[in-house]
Amino acid sequence: MKLISIAHAGVISDAPKLSGVALNVLNFLLSVFGIIAIISLVVAGVVYLTAGGSEQRIETAKKITLYSIIGIAVALAAMVIVRQIAGIIG
């Protein structure tokens, strides 16, 4: 009688670590935020170029640019913090 080999499921030790999962999620979110930031910077440029001397539209474009840059800084800071915590945890 011939034995049939059965595929074995991975054991718990083969599962990715929590730090690895967090880094993967963070990289995905950072990609999404990066795309949104680039789009918002382009929108700010278009608003600024089409302002036609309107102080209100120029201020709107400046605010959009400022908030886009702040968003990029926050996303990068989150990446640094998560990577540091992941390095400590292991």
N, C-alpha and C. Protein backbone atom coordinates (compact mmCIF):
# COMPACT_ATOMS: atom_id res chain seq x y z
N MET A 1 0.84 -1.16 0.00
CA MET A 1 0.00 0.00 0.00
C MET A 1 0.89 1.23 0.00
N LYS A 2 0.55 2.19 -0.85
CA LYS A 2 1.36 3.39 -1.01
C LYS A 2 0.76 4.53 -0.19
N LEU A 3 1.62 5.23 0.53
CA LEU A 3 1.17 6.37 1.33
C LEU A 3 1.07 7.62 0.45
N ILE A 4 0.04 8.35 0.63
CA ILE A 4 -0.16 9.59 -0.12
C ILE A 4 0.32 10.74 0.77
N SER A 5 1.19 11.57 0.20
CA SER A 5 1.66 12.70 1.00
C SER A 5 0.60 13.80 1.01
N ILE A 6 0.43 14.36 2.13
CA ILE A 6 -0.58 15.41 2.31
C ILE A 6 0.16 16.72 2.53
N ALA A 7 -0.29 17.78 1.86
CA ALA A 7 0.33 19.09 2.04
C ALA A 7 0.09 19.56 3.46
N HIS A 8 1.12 20.06 4.07
CA HIS A 8 1.01 20.52 5.44
C HIS A 8 0.83 22.03 5.46
N ALA A 9 -0.07 22.46 6.25
CA ALA A 9 -0.26 23.90 6.43
C ALA A 9 0.89 24.44 7.26
N GLY A 10 1.21 25.71 7.05
CA GLY A 10 2.28 26.33 7.82
C GLY A 10 1.91 26.42 9.28
N VAL A 11 2.89 26.32 10.11
CA VAL A 11 2.64 26.42 11.54
C VAL A 11 2.66 27.87 11.96
N ILE A 12 2.29 28.12 13.17
CA ILE A 12 2.19 29.49 13.67
C ILE A 12 3.54 30.21 13.57
N SER A 13 4.62 29.50 13.73
CA SER A 13 5.92 30.17 13.68
C SER A 13 6.24 30.68 12.28
N ASP A 14 5.53 30.18 11.26
CA ASP A 14 5.74 30.67 9.90
C ASP A 14 4.97 31.96 9.62
N ALA A 15 4.09 32.35 10.50
CA ALA A 15 3.28 33.55 10.30
C ALA A 15 4.16 34.79 10.40
N PRO A 16 3.82 35.83 9.65
CA PRO A 16 4.62 37.05 9.74
C PRO A 16 4.48 37.70 11.12
N LYS A 17 5.54 38.36 11.52
CA LYS A 17 5.51 39.04 12.82
C LYS A 17 4.64 40.28 12.74
N LEU A 18 4.19 40.73 13.89
CA LEU A 18 3.35 41.92 13.95
C LEU A 18 4.08 43.13 13.40
N SER A 19 5.38 43.23 13.66
CA SER A 19 6.14 44.36 13.15
C SER A 19 6.19 44.34 11.63
N GLY A 20 6.29 43.14 11.04
CA GLY A 20 6.30 43.03 9.59
C GLY A 20 4.98 43.43 8.97
N VAL A 21 3.90 43.03 9.62
CA VAL A 21 2.57 43.39 9.14
C VAL A 21 2.38 44.90 9.25
N ALA A 22 2.80 45.49 10.36
CA ALA A 22 2.68 46.94 10.55
C ALA A 22 3.48 47.69 9.49
N LEU A 23 4.68 47.21 9.18
CA LEU A 23 5.49 47.87 8.15
C LEU A 23 4.84 47.75 6.78
N ASN A 24 4.25 46.61 6.48
CA ASN A 24 3.57 46.45 5.19
C ASN A 24 2.37 47.38 5.09
N VAL A 25 1.58 47.47 6.15
CA VAL A 25 0.43 48.37 6.15
C VAL A 25 0.90 49.81 6.03
N LEU A 26 1.95 50.17 6.76
CA LEU A 26 2.46 51.53 6.70
C LEU A 26 2.97 51.88 5.31
N ASN A 27 3.68 50.96 4.68
CA ASN A 27 4.17 51.22 3.32
C ASN A 27 3.02 51.42 2.35
N PHE A 28 1.96 50.63 2.50
CA PHE A 28 0.79 50.81 1.64
C PHE A 28 0.14 52.18 1.87
N LEU A 29 -0.07 52.52 3.14
CA LEU A 29 -0.70 53.80 3.45
C LEU A 29 0.17 54.97 3.02
N LEU A 30 1.48 54.82 3.16
CA LEU A 30 2.39 55.88 2.73
C LEU A 30 2.31 56.07 1.22
N SER A 31 2.14 54.99 0.49
CA SER A 31 1.97 55.10 -0.97
C SER A 31 0.68 55.85 -1.30
N VAL A 32 -0.39 55.51 -0.60
CA VAL A 32 -1.66 56.19 -0.83
C VAL A 32 -1.55 57.67 -0.48
N PHE A 33 -0.96 57.98 0.67
CA PHE A 33 -0.81 59.38 1.07
C PHE A 33 0.10 60.13 0.12
N GLY A 34 1.12 59.46 -0.40
CA GLY A 34 2.02 60.10 -1.36
C GLY A 34 1.29 60.48 -2.63
N ILE A 35 0.45 59.59 -3.12
CA ILE A 35 -0.33 59.89 -4.33
C ILE A 35 -1.29 61.04 -4.07
N ILE A 36 -1.96 61.00 -2.93
CA ILE A 36 -2.89 62.08 -2.58
C ILE A 36 -2.16 63.40 -2.44
N ALA A 37 -0.97 63.39 -1.83
CA ALA A 37 -0.19 64.62 -1.65
C ALA A 37 0.24 65.20 -2.99
N ILE A 38 0.67 64.34 -3.91
CA ILE A 38 1.07 64.83 -5.23
C ILE A 38 -0.12 65.43 -5.96
N ILE A 39 -1.27 64.76 -5.87
CA ILE A 39 -2.47 65.29 -6.53
C ILE A 39 -2.86 66.63 -5.92
N SER A 40 -2.79 66.74 -4.59
CA SER A 40 -3.18 68.01 -3.95
C SER A 40 -2.19 69.12 -4.28
N LEU A 41 -0.91 68.78 -4.43
CA LEU A 41 0.06 69.81 -4.83
C LEU A 41 -0.20 70.27 -6.26
N VAL A 42 -0.59 69.37 -7.13
CA VAL A 42 -0.93 69.75 -8.51
C VAL A 42 -2.17 70.63 -8.50
N VAL A 43 -3.17 70.26 -7.69
CA VAL A 43 -4.38 71.08 -7.59
C VAL A 43 -4.04 72.47 -7.08
N ALA A 44 -3.17 72.55 -6.08
CA ALA A 44 -2.76 73.86 -5.55
C ALA A 44 -2.08 74.69 -6.63
N GLY A 45 -1.24 74.04 -7.44
CA GLY A 45 -0.59 74.76 -8.53
C GLY A 45 -1.57 75.28 -9.56
N VAL A 46 -2.56 74.46 -9.89
CA VAL A 46 -3.57 74.88 -10.86
C VAL A 46 -4.40 76.03 -10.29
N VAL A 47 -4.77 75.95 -9.04
CA VAL A 47 -5.54 77.03 -8.41
C VAL A 47 -4.71 78.31 -8.39
N TYR A 48 -3.42 78.19 -8.10
CA TYR A 48 -2.55 79.37 -8.06
C TYR A 48 -2.40 79.98 -9.45
N LEU A 49 -2.21 79.13 -10.45
CA LEU A 49 -2.02 79.64 -11.81
C LEU A 49 -3.29 80.26 -12.38
N THR A 50 -4.45 79.76 -11.97
CA THR A 50 -5.70 80.30 -12.49
C THR A 50 -6.32 81.36 -11.58
N ALA A 51 -5.57 81.81 -10.58
CA ALA A 51 -6.11 82.79 -9.63
C ALA A 51 -6.42 84.12 -10.30
N GLY A 52 -5.63 84.50 -11.26
CA GLY A 52 -5.89 85.75 -11.98
C GLY A 52 -5.83 86.97 -11.09
N GLY A 53 -4.98 86.93 -10.08
CA GLY A 53 -4.83 88.08 -9.19
C GLY A 53 -5.81 88.09 -8.02
N SER A 54 -6.68 87.13 -7.93
CA SER A 54 -7.63 87.06 -6.82
C SER A 54 -6.89 86.64 -5.55
N GLU A 55 -6.89 87.52 -4.58
CA GLU A 55 -6.18 87.24 -3.32
C GLU A 55 -6.76 86.02 -2.60
N GLN A 56 -8.07 85.85 -2.69
CA GLN A 56 -8.72 84.73 -2.01
C GLN A 56 -8.26 83.40 -2.61
N ARG A 57 -8.19 83.31 -3.93
CA ARG A 57 -7.75 82.06 -4.58
C ARG A 57 -6.26 81.81 -4.34
N ILE A 58 -5.48 82.87 -4.28
CA ILE A 58 -4.04 82.72 -3.99
C ILE A 58 -3.86 82.17 -2.58
N GLU A 59 -4.61 82.72 -1.63
CA GLU A 59 -4.53 82.21 -0.25
C GLU A 59 -5.01 80.76 -0.16
N THR A 60 -6.04 80.42 -0.92
CA THR A 60 -6.51 79.03 -0.94
C THR A 60 -5.43 78.10 -1.46
N ALA A 61 -4.75 78.51 -2.52
CA ALA A 61 -3.67 77.69 -3.07
C ALA A 61 -2.52 77.54 -2.07
N LYS A 62 -2.21 78.61 -1.37
CA LYS A 62 -1.15 78.54 -0.35
C LYS A 62 -1.53 77.59 0.79
N LYS A 63 -2.80 77.63 1.20
CA LYS A 63 -3.26 76.73 2.27
C LYS A 63 -3.22 75.28 1.82
N ILE A 64 -3.64 75.03 0.58
CA ILE A 64 -3.60 73.65 0.07
C ILE A 64 -2.16 73.15 0.05
N THR A 65 -1.23 74.00 -0.40
CA THR A 65 0.18 73.61 -0.44
C THR A 65 0.70 73.34 0.96
N LEU A 66 0.38 74.22 1.90
CA LEU A 66 0.84 74.06 3.27
C LEU A 66 0.32 72.76 3.89
N TYR A 67 -0.98 72.50 3.72
CA TYR A 67 -1.55 71.29 4.29
C TYR A 67 -1.02 70.03 3.62
N SER A 68 -0.71 70.11 2.35
CA SER A 68 -0.12 68.96 1.66
C SER A 68 1.26 68.64 2.22
N ILE A 69 2.05 69.67 2.43
CA ILE A 69 3.39 69.47 2.98
C ILE A 69 3.33 68.96 4.41
N ILE A 70 2.39 69.49 5.21
CA ILE A 70 2.21 69.00 6.58
C ILE A 70 1.80 67.53 6.56
N GLY A 71 0.92 67.16 5.65
CA GLY A 71 0.50 65.76 5.54
C GLY A 71 1.66 64.84 5.19
N ILE A 72 2.52 65.28 4.28
CA ILE A 72 3.69 64.49 3.92
C ILE A 72 4.61 64.33 5.13
N ALA A 73 4.81 65.41 5.87
CA ALA A 73 5.67 65.35 7.05
C ALA A 73 5.11 64.40 8.11
N VAL A 74 3.81 64.44 8.32
CA VAL A 74 3.18 63.55 9.31
C VAL A 74 3.31 62.09 8.86
N ALA A 75 3.11 61.83 7.59
CA ALA A 75 3.22 60.46 7.08
C ALA A 75 4.65 59.94 7.23
N LEU A 76 5.63 60.77 6.92
CA LEU A 76 7.02 60.35 7.07
C LEU A 76 7.39 60.16 8.54
N ALA A 77 6.87 61.02 9.41
CA ALA A 77 7.13 60.85 10.85
C ALA A 77 6.51 59.56 11.36
N ALA A 78 5.32 59.22 10.88
CA ALA A 78 4.68 57.97 11.29
C ALA A 78 5.51 56.77 10.83
N MET A 79 6.07 56.87 9.62
CA MET A 79 6.91 55.78 9.13
C MET A 79 8.14 55.60 10.00
N VAL A 80 8.77 56.69 10.37
CA VAL A 80 9.96 56.62 11.23
C VAL A 80 9.61 56.02 12.59
N ILE A 81 8.51 56.47 13.18
CA ILE A 81 8.12 55.98 14.49
C ILE A 81 7.81 54.48 14.45
N VAL A 82 7.05 54.05 13.44
CA VAL A 82 6.71 52.62 13.36
C VAL A 82 7.94 51.78 13.12
N ARG A 83 8.86 52.25 12.29
CA ARG A 83 10.09 51.47 12.05
C ARG A 83 10.94 51.40 13.30
N GLN A 84 11.00 52.44 14.08
CA GLN A 84 11.76 52.42 15.33
C GLN A 84 11.12 51.44 16.31
N ILE A 85 9.82 51.49 16.43
CA ILE A 85 9.12 50.57 17.35
C ILE A 85 9.30 49.13 16.87
N ALA A 86 9.21 48.91 15.56
CA ALA A 86 9.39 47.57 15.01
C ALA A 86 10.82 47.08 15.27
N GLY A 87 11.78 47.98 15.21
CA GLY A 87 13.17 47.60 15.51
C GLY A 87 13.37 47.23 16.96
N ILE A 88 12.67 47.92 17.84
CA ILE A 88 12.78 47.63 19.27
C ILE A 88 12.11 46.31 19.61
N ILE A 89 10.90 46.12 19.05
CA ILE A 89 10.15 44.90 19.31
C ILE A 89 10.85 43.68 18.70
N GLY A 90 11.37 43.87 17.50
CA GLY A 90 12.10 42.78 16.86
C GLY A 90 11.36 42.21 15.78
